[in-house]
Amino acid sequence: MEHILPYSLSEIPYVLLTLALAFSVHEFAHAYVAYKFGDPTAKNEGRLTLSPFAHLDLLGTLLIFLAGFGWARPVPVNRFYFKNPRLAGILVSVAGPLSNLALAGLGFVIWYAMIDFGIMRALPDWFAAGFDLFFQIFISLNAVLFVFNLLPFPPLDGYRIIEDLAPDGLRAKMTQWETYGALIFLVLVLTPLDRYTIEPVFQVALPFVLENLQSLVASLFM
């Protein structure tokens, strides 16, 4: 079974810990920004929290292991509370992906700090290897979530951002197209078509994000 899963059995504990943190922070960021703009919906439903139990979706989490992609429970947002729905909507949508980018950066900072201060050298080899593997998974998965959620397909954050940037007429049509768009997205992700659509985006965007983030953090330790 190990060769079928996107992750090896030895990596699964690190992936579970990463997902619990990454999904929780992502959804909390949506809820927090919405709350700051006057929408109490997520708070009232117990979603203004970092607890993984409030945010994890069983099927979405399982699919990470089976298909290499997944999701958390979407945070409810009521745009009628916003004084400036377009601006607030964009900031609420972008808060989630940016939180994952920030987590990836934080992972690099902690990893480099442990190396720079000699902590990794002081640890037993097997323990240091475990830390190395965790940080690799933590950083890469958060970078993947950052790029993935900015794809312009419903129900991802990238689609919501485009909706709020679009003129009213186009926005109304985009709302009508959401169901079809979500189906098209699932087809692209779950079939070999992803080799010609989603995969090329990741082949360009993911190395770009990781290399620049690592360069930025590395410069802090020079």
C-alpha atoms as a PDB file:
ATOM      1  CA  MET A   1       0.000   0.000   0.000  1.00  0.00           C
ATOM      2  CA  GLU A   2       2.917   2.339   0.705  1.00  0.00           C
ATOM      3  CA  HIS A   3       3.720   2.724  -2.984  1.00  0.00           C
ATOM      4  CA  ILE A   4       0.105   3.688  -3.824  1.00  0.00           C
ATOM      5  CA  LEU A   5      -0.225   6.599  -1.404  1.00  0.00           C
ATOM      6  CA  PRO A   6       1.219  10.032  -2.230  1.00  0.00           C
ATOM      7  CA  TYR A   7       3.063   9.810   1.102  1.00  0.00           C
ATOM      8  CA  SER A   8       4.971   6.900   2.627  1.00  0.00           C
ATOM      9  CA  LEU A   9       3.711   5.369   5.864  1.00  0.00           C
ATOM     10  CA  SER A  10       6.653   6.867   7.736  1.00  0.00           C
ATOM     11  CA  GLU A  11       5.646  10.358   6.566  1.00  0.00           C
ATOM     12  CA  ILE A  12       1.967  10.125   7.535  1.00  0.00           C
ATOM     13  CA  PRO A  13       2.364  11.351  11.169  1.00  0.00           C
ATOM     14  CA  TYR A  14       4.213  14.449   9.924  1.00  0.00           C
ATOM     15  CA  VAL A  15       1.589  15.046   7.235  1.00  0.00           C
ATOM     16  CA  LEU A  16      -1.256  14.745   9.770  1.00  0.00           C
ATOM     17  CA  LEU A  17       0.414  17.239  12.117  1.00  0.00           C
ATOM     18  CA  THR A  18       1.089  19.622   9.232  1.00  0.00           C
ATOM     19  CA  LEU A  19      -2.491  19.418   7.958  1.00  0.00           C
ATOM     20  CA  ALA A  20      -3.927  19.995  11.425  1.00  0.00           C
ATOM     21  CA  LEU A  21      -1.869  23.186  11.704  1.00  0.00           C
ATOM     22  CA  ALA A  22      -2.123  24.359   8.092  1.00  0.00           C
ATOM     23  CA  PHE A  23      -5.879  23.857   7.664  1.00  0.00           C
ATOM     24  CA  SER A  24      -6.668  25.323  11.085  1.00  0.00           C
ATOM     25  CA  VAL A  25      -4.588  28.460  10.576  1.00  0.00           C
ATOM     26  CA  HIS A  26      -5.962  28.861   7.019  1.00  0.00           C
ATOM     27  CA  GLU A  27      -9.600  28.745   8.102  1.00  0.00           C
ATOM     28  CA  PHE A  28      -8.948  30.803  11.239  1.00  0.00           C
ATOM     29  CA  ALA A  29      -7.407  33.500   9.033  1.00  0.00           C
ATOM     30  CA  HIS A  30     -10.586  33.648   6.920  1.00  0.00           C
ATOM     31  CA  ALA A  31     -12.761  33.800  10.048  1.00  0.00           C
ATOM     32  CA  TYR A  32     -10.591  36.408  11.789  1.00  0.00           C
ATOM     33  CA  VAL A  33     -10.469  38.825   8.852  1.00  0.00           C
ATOM     34  CA  ALA A  34     -14.217  38.451   8.264  1.00  0.00           C
ATOM     35  CA  TYR A  35     -14.835  39.152  11.959  1.00  0.00           C
ATOM     36  CA  LYS A  36     -12.617  42.233  11.849  1.00  0.00           C
ATOM     37  CA  PHE A  37     -14.705  43.542   8.941  1.00  0.00           C
ATOM     38  CA  GLY A  38     -17.886  43.111  10.970  1.00  0.00           C
ATOM     39  CA  ASP A  39     -19.083  39.606  10.098  1.00  0.00           C
ATOM     40  CA  PRO A  40     -19.703  37.548  13.293  1.00  0.00           C
ATOM     41  CA  THR A  41     -20.998  34.470  11.413  1.00  0.00           C
ATOM     42  CA  ALA A  42     -17.869  32.327  11.776  1.00  0.00           C
ATOM     43  CA  LYS A  43     -17.408  33.386  15.404  1.00  0.00           C
ATOM     44  CA  ASN A  44     -21.010  32.507  16.223  1.00  0.00           C
ATOM     45  CA  GLU A  45     -20.522  29.055  14.692  1.00  0.00           C
ATOM     46  CA  GLY A  46     -17.388  28.365  16.717  1.00  0.00           C
ATOM     47  CA  ARG A  47     -14.998  28.768  13.797  1.00  0.00           C
ATOM     48  CA  LEU A  48     -12.961  31.680  15.170  1.00  0.00           C
ATOM     49  CA  THR A  49     -10.535  29.215  16.726  1.00  0.00           C
ATOM     50  CA  LEU A  50      -7.272  27.439  15.960  1.00  0.00           C
ATOM     51  CA  SER A  51      -8.667  24.094  17.114  1.00  0.00           C
ATOM     52  CA  PRO A  52      -8.310  21.515  14.292  1.00  0.00           C
ATOM     53  CA  PHE A  53     -11.548  19.851  15.419  1.00  0.00           C
ATOM     54  CA  ALA A  54     -13.498  22.931  14.304  1.00  0.00           C
ATOM     55  CA  HIS A  55     -11.963  23.018  10.822  1.00  0.00           C
ATOM     56  CA  LEU A  56     -10.905  19.578   9.582  1.00  0.00           C
ATOM     57  CA  ASP A  57     -13.125  17.775   7.097  1.00  0.00           C
ATOM     58  CA  LEU A  58     -12.839  13.982   7.213  1.00  0.00           C
ATOM     59  CA  LEU A  59     -13.194  13.379   3.468  1.00  0.00           C
ATOM     60  CA  GLY A  60     -11.004  16.362   2.569  1.00  0.00           C
ATOM     61  CA  THR A  61      -8.270  15.139   4.895  1.00  0.00           C
ATOM     62  CA  LEU A  62      -8.425  11.545   3.628  1.00  0.00           C
ATOM     63  CA  LEU A  63      -8.129  12.708   0.029  1.00  0.00           C
ATOM     64  CA  ILE A  64      -4.792  14.346   0.841  1.00  0.00           C
ATOM     65  CA  PHE A  65      -3.438  10.846   1.402  1.00  0.00           C
ATOM     66  CA  LEU A  66      -5.343   9.122  -1.397  1.00  0.00           C
ATOM     67  CA  ALA A  67      -5.300  11.712  -4.181  1.00  0.00           C
ATOM     68  CA  GLY A  68      -2.699  14.270  -3.109  1.00  0.00           C
ATOM     69  CA  PHE A  69      -5.212  17.104  -2.604  1.00  0.00           C
ATOM     70  CA  GLY A  70      -7.938  17.911  -0.111  1.00  0.00           C
ATOM     71  CA  TRP A  71      -9.734  20.596   1.838  1.00  0.00           C
ATOM     72  CA  ALA A  72     -10.926  21.772   5.239  1.00  0.00           C
ATOM     73  CA  ARG A  73     -14.466  22.835   6.193  1.00  0.00           C
ATOM     74  CA  PRO A  74     -15.075  26.232   4.531  1.00  0.00           C
ATOM     75  CA  VAL A  75     -15.612  29.111   6.940  1.00  0.00           C
ATOM     76  CA  PRO A  76     -19.094  30.676   6.563  1.00  0.00           C
ATOM     77  CA  VAL A  77     -18.952  34.320   5.460  1.00  0.00           C
ATOM     78  CA  ASN A  78     -21.928  36.695   5.227  1.00  0.00           C
ATOM     79  CA  ARG A  79     -20.971  39.560   2.917  1.00  0.00           C
ATOM     80  CA  PHE A  80     -23.998  41.631   3.985  1.00  0.00           C
ATOM     81  CA  TYR A  81     -22.118  42.613   7.149  1.00  0.00           C
ATOM     82  CA  PHE A  82     -19.312  44.237   5.137  1.00  0.00           C
ATOM     83  CA  LYS A  83     -19.396  47.996   4.536  1.00  0.00           C
ATOM     84  CA  ASN A  84     -17.222  47.492   1.453  1.00  0.00           C
ATOM     85  CA  PRO A  85     -18.096  43.938   0.316  1.00  0.00           C
ATOM     86  CA  ARG A  86     -15.601  43.810  -2.565  1.00  0.00           C
ATOM     87  CA  LEU A  87     -12.554  44.932  -0.587  1.00  0.00           C
ATOM     88  CA  ALA A  88     -13.503  42.916   2.476  1.00  0.00           C
ATOM     89  CA  GLY A  89     -14.280  39.880   0.322  1.00  0.00           C
ATOM     90  CA  ILE A  90     -10.862  40.021  -1.350  1.00  0.00           C
ATOM     91  CA  LEU A  91      -9.040  40.393   1.973  1.00  0.00           C
ATOM     92  CA  VAL A  92     -11.023  37.566   3.570  1.00  0.00           C
ATOM     93  CA  SER A  93     -10.278  35.293   0.591  1.00  0.00           C
ATOM     94  CA  VAL A  94      -6.577  36.096   0.360  1.00  0.00           C
ATOM     95  CA  ALA A  95      -6.062  35.735   4.131  1.00  0.00           C
ATOM     96  CA  GLY A  96      -6.213  31.935   3.943  1.00  0.00           C
ATOM     97  CA  PRO A  97      -3.529  31.363   1.282  1.00  0.00           C
ATOM     98  CA  LEU A  98      -1.303  34.064   2.800  1.00  0.00           C
ATOM     99  CA  SER A  99      -1.503  32.317   6.174  1.00  0.00           C
ATOM    100  CA  ASN A 100      -0.096  29.170   4.555  1.00  0.00           C
ATOM    101  CA  LEU A 101       2.685  31.185   2.918  1.00  0.00           C
ATOM    102  CA  ALA A 102       3.469  32.670   6.336  1.00  0.00           C
ATOM    103  CA  LEU A 103       3.559  29.185   7.891  1.00  0.00           C
ATOM    104  CA  ALA A 104       5.965  27.983   5.183  1.00  0.00           C
ATOM    105  CA  GLY A 105       8.182  30.982   5.900  1.00  0.00           C
ATOM    106  CA  LEU A 106       7.980  30.330   9.648  1.00  0.00           C
ATOM    107  CA  GLY A 107       8.974  26.722   9.009  1.00  0.00           C
ATOM    108  CA  PHE A 108      12.080  27.873   7.157  1.00  0.00           C
ATOM    109  CA  VAL A 109      12.930  30.340   9.966  1.00  0.00           C
ATOM    110  CA  ILE A 110      12.679  27.711  12.730  1.00  0.00           C
ATOM    111  CA  TRP A 111      14.570  25.129  10.658  1.00  0.00           C
ATOM    112  CA  TYR A 112      17.406  27.554   9.838  1.00  0.00           C
ATOM    113  CA  ALA A 113      17.527  28.768  13.443  1.00  0.00           C
ATOM    114  CA  MET A 114      17.867  25.209  14.770  1.00  0.00           C
ATOM    115  CA  ILE A 115      20.729  24.621  12.350  1.00  0.00           C
ATOM    116  CA  ASP A 116      22.382  28.014  12.949  1.00  0.00           C
ATOM    117  CA  PHE A 117      22.303  27.699  16.742  1.00  0.00           C
ATOM    118  CA  GLY A 118      23.673  24.154  16.634  1.00  0.00           C
ATOM    119  CA  ILE A 119      20.499  22.525  17.950  1.00  0.00           C
ATOM    120  CA  MET A 120      20.323  20.035  15.084  1.00  0.00           C
ATOM    121  CA  ARG A 121      23.956  18.973  15.630  1.00  0.00           C
ATOM    122  CA  ALA A 122      23.277  18.397  19.316  1.00  0.00           C
ATOM    123  CA  LEU A 123      20.367  16.045  18.646  1.00  0.00           C
ATOM    124  CA  PRO A 124      20.743  12.298  18.053  1.00  0.00           C
ATOM    125  CA  ASP A 125      20.954  11.528  14.330  1.00  0.00           C
ATOM    126  CA  TRP A 126      17.577   9.778  14.199  1.00  0.00           C
ATOM    127  CA  PHE A 127      15.903  12.698  16.020  1.00  0.00           C
ATOM    128  CA  ALA A 128      17.518  15.299  13.762  1.00  0.00           C
ATOM    129  CA  ALA A 129      16.450  13.285  10.707  1.00  0.00           C
ATOM    130  CA  GLY A 130      12.871  13.341  12.017  1.00  0.00           C
ATOM    131  CA  PHE A 131      12.998  17.129  12.394  1.00  0.00           C
ATOM    132  CA  ASP A 132      14.411  17.479   8.881  1.00  0.00           C
ATOM    133  CA  LEU A 133      11.609  15.368   7.421  1.00  0.00           C
ATOM    134  CA  PHE A 134       8.942  17.260   9.364  1.00  0.00           C
ATOM    135  CA  PHE A 135      10.175  20.667   8.216  1.00  0.00           C
ATOM    136  CA  GLN A 136      10.426  19.482   4.598  1.00  0.00           C
ATOM    137  CA  ILE A 137       6.816  18.265   4.707  1.00  0.00           C
ATOM    138  CA  PHE A 138       5.566  21.261   6.707  1.00  0.00           C
ATOM    139  CA  ILE A 139       7.134  23.811   4.367  1.00  0.00           C
ATOM    140  CA  SER A 140       6.263  22.059   1.117  1.00  0.00           C
ATOM    141  CA  LEU A 141       2.651  21.294   2.069  1.00  0.00           C
ATOM    142  CA  ASN A 142       1.993  24.863   3.182  1.00  0.00           C
ATOM    143  CA  ALA A 143       3.511  26.124  -0.076  1.00  0.00           C
ATOM    144  CA  VAL A 144       1.290  23.702  -1.992  1.00  0.00           C
ATOM    145  CA  LEU A 145      -1.787  24.979  -0.125  1.00  0.00           C
ATOM    146  CA  PHE A 146      -0.782  28.567  -0.905  1.00  0.00           C
ATOM    147  CA  VAL A 147      -0.516  27.890  -4.652  1.00  0.00           C
ATOM    148  CA  PHE A 148      -3.459  25.473  -4.775  1.00  0.00           C
ATOM    149  CA  ASN A 149      -5.917  27.829  -3.096  1.00  0.00           C
ATOM    150  CA  LEU A 150      -5.036  30.655  -5.484  1.00  0.00           C
ATOM    151  CA  LEU A 151      -6.080  28.620  -8.541  1.00  0.00           C
ATOM    152  CA  PRO A 152      -9.001  30.361 -10.302  1.00  0.00           C
ATOM    153  CA  PHE A 153     -11.536  27.558  -9.844  1.00  0.00           C
ATOM    154  CA  PRO A 154     -14.543  27.376  -7.528  1.00  0.00           C
ATOM    155  CA  PRO A 155     -14.702  26.901  -4.605  1.00  0.00           C
ATOM    156  CA  LEU A 156     -11.060  27.947  -4.143  1.00  0.00           C
ATOM    157  CA  ASP A 157      -9.996  31.337  -2.793  1.00  0.00           C
ATOM    158  CA  GLY A 158      -8.519  32.340  -6.151  1.00  0.00           C
ATOM    159  CA  TYR A 159     -11.964  32.171  -7.742  1.00  0.00           C
ATOM    160  CA  ARG A 160     -13.467  34.280  -4.930  1.00  0.00           C
ATOM    161  CA  ILE A 161     -10.796  36.926  -5.438  1.00  0.00           C
ATOM    162  CA  ILE A 162     -11.523  37.096  -9.188  1.00  0.00           C
ATOM    163  CA  GLU A 163     -15.258  37.309  -8.422  1.00  0.00           C
ATOM    164  CA  ASP A 164     -14.731  40.361  -6.233  1.00  0.00           C
ATOM    165  CA  LEU A 165     -12.480  41.994  -8.822  1.00  0.00           C
ATOM    166  CA  ALA A 166     -14.943  41.367 -11.669  1.00  0.00           C
ATOM    167  CA  PRO A 167     -17.586  43.896 -12.801  1.00  0.00           C
ATOM    168  CA  ASP A 168     -21.103  43.300 -11.427  1.00  0.00           C
ATOM    169  CA  GLY A 169     -22.413  41.719 -14.636  1.00  0.00           C
ATOM    170  CA  LEU A 170     -19.546  39.257 -14.897  1.00  0.00           C
ATOM    171  CA  ARG A 171     -19.677  38.543 -11.167  1.00  0.00           C
ATOM    172  CA  ALA A 172     -23.346  37.514 -11.446  1.00  0.00           C
ATOM    173  CA  LYS A 173     -22.474  35.118 -14.291  1.00  0.00           C
ATOM    174  CA  MET A 174     -19.521  33.704 -12.330  1.00  0.00           C
ATOM    175  CA  THR A 175     -21.876  32.944  -9.443  1.00  0.00           C
ATOM    176  CA  GLN A 176     -24.141  31.052 -11.853  1.00  0.00           C
ATOM    177  CA  TRP A 177     -21.170  29.124 -13.263  1.00  0.00           C
ATOM    178  CA  GLU A 178     -19.852  27.982  -9.876  1.00  0.00           C
ATOM    179  CA  THR A 179     -21.459  24.532  -9.906  1.00  0.00           C
ATOM    180  CA  TYR A 180     -20.178  23.783 -13.400  1.00  0.00           C
ATOM    181  CA  GLY A 181     -16.802  25.290 -12.576  1.00  0.00           C
ATOM    182  CA  ALA A 182     -16.452  23.083  -9.498  1.00  0.00           C
ATOM    183  CA  LEU A 183     -17.252  19.987 -11.579  1.00  0.00           C
ATOM    184  CA  ILE A 184     -14.725  21.005 -14.234  1.00  0.00           C
ATOM    185  CA  PHE A 185     -12.137  21.550 -11.510  1.00  0.00           C
ATOM    186  CA  LEU A 186     -12.720  18.064 -10.061  1.00  0.00           C
ATOM    187  CA  VAL A 187     -12.347  16.561 -13.541  1.00  0.00           C
ATOM    188  CA  LEU A 188      -9.079  18.431 -14.048  1.00  0.00           C
ATOM    189  CA  VAL A 189      -7.723  17.314 -10.684  1.00  0.00           C
ATOM    190  CA  LEU A 190      -8.899  13.692 -10.660  1.00  0.00           C
ATOM    191  CA  THR A 191      -8.173  12.711 -14.263  1.00  0.00           C
ATOM    192  CA  PRO A 192      -4.987  12.627 -16.389  1.00  0.00           C
ATOM    193  CA  LEU A 193      -5.979  16.091 -17.660  1.00  0.00           C
ATOM    194  CA  ASP A 194      -4.191  17.507 -14.624  1.00  0.00           C
ATOM    195  CA  ARG A 195      -0.893  16.798 -16.418  1.00  0.00           C
ATOM    196  CA  TYR A 196      -1.790  19.503 -18.930  1.00  0.00           C
ATOM    197  CA  THR A 197      -3.596  21.966 -16.633  1.00  0.00           C
ATOM    198  CA  ILE A 198      -2.924  21.906 -12.879  1.00  0.00           C
ATOM    199  CA  GLU A 199       0.448  20.158 -12.888  1.00  0.00           C
ATOM    200  CA  PRO A 200       2.249  22.662 -15.175  1.00  0.00           C
ATOM    201  CA  VAL A 201       1.122  25.480 -12.864  1.00  0.00           C
ATOM    202  CA  PHE A 202       2.645  23.715  -9.873  1.00  0.00           C
ATOM    203  CA  GLN A 203       5.829  22.882 -11.770  1.00  0.00           C
ATOM    204  CA  VAL A 204       6.412  26.608 -12.270  1.00  0.00           C
ATOM    205  CA  ALA A 205       4.766  28.237  -9.247  1.00  0.00           C
ATOM    206  CA  LEU A 206       5.843  25.875  -6.462  1.00  0.00           C
ATOM    207  CA  PRO A 207       9.620  26.008  -7.081  1.00  0.00           C
ATOM    208  CA  PHE A 208       9.324  29.787  -7.530  1.00  0.00           C
ATOM    209  CA  VAL A 209       7.597  30.186  -4.154  1.00  0.00           C
ATOM    210  CA  LEU A 210       9.900  27.800  -2.290  1.00  0.00           C
ATOM    211  CA  GLU A 211      13.149  29.119  -3.771  1.00  0.00           C
ATOM    212  CA  ASN A 212      12.315  32.769  -3.126  1.00  0.00           C
ATOM    213  CA  LEU A 213      11.007  32.073   0.366  1.00  0.00           C
ATOM    214  CA  GLN A 214      14.118  30.071   1.220  1.00  0.00           C
ATOM    215  CA  SER A 215      16.403  32.779  -0.200  1.00  0.00           C
ATOM    216  CA  LEU A 216      14.626  35.425   1.852  1.00  0.00           C
ATOM    217  CA  VAL A 217      14.923  33.434   5.086  1.00  0.00           C
ATOM    218  CA  ALA A 218      18.523  32.379   4.358  1.00  0.00           C
ATOM    219  CA  SER A 219      19.490  36.049   3.976  1.00  0.00           C
ATOM    220  CA  LEU A 220      18.369  36.651   7.565  1.00  0.00           C
ATOM    221  CA  PHE A 221      20.930  34.151   8.838  1.00  0.00           C
ATOM    222  CA  MET A 222      23.928  35.397   6.895  1.00  0.00           C
END
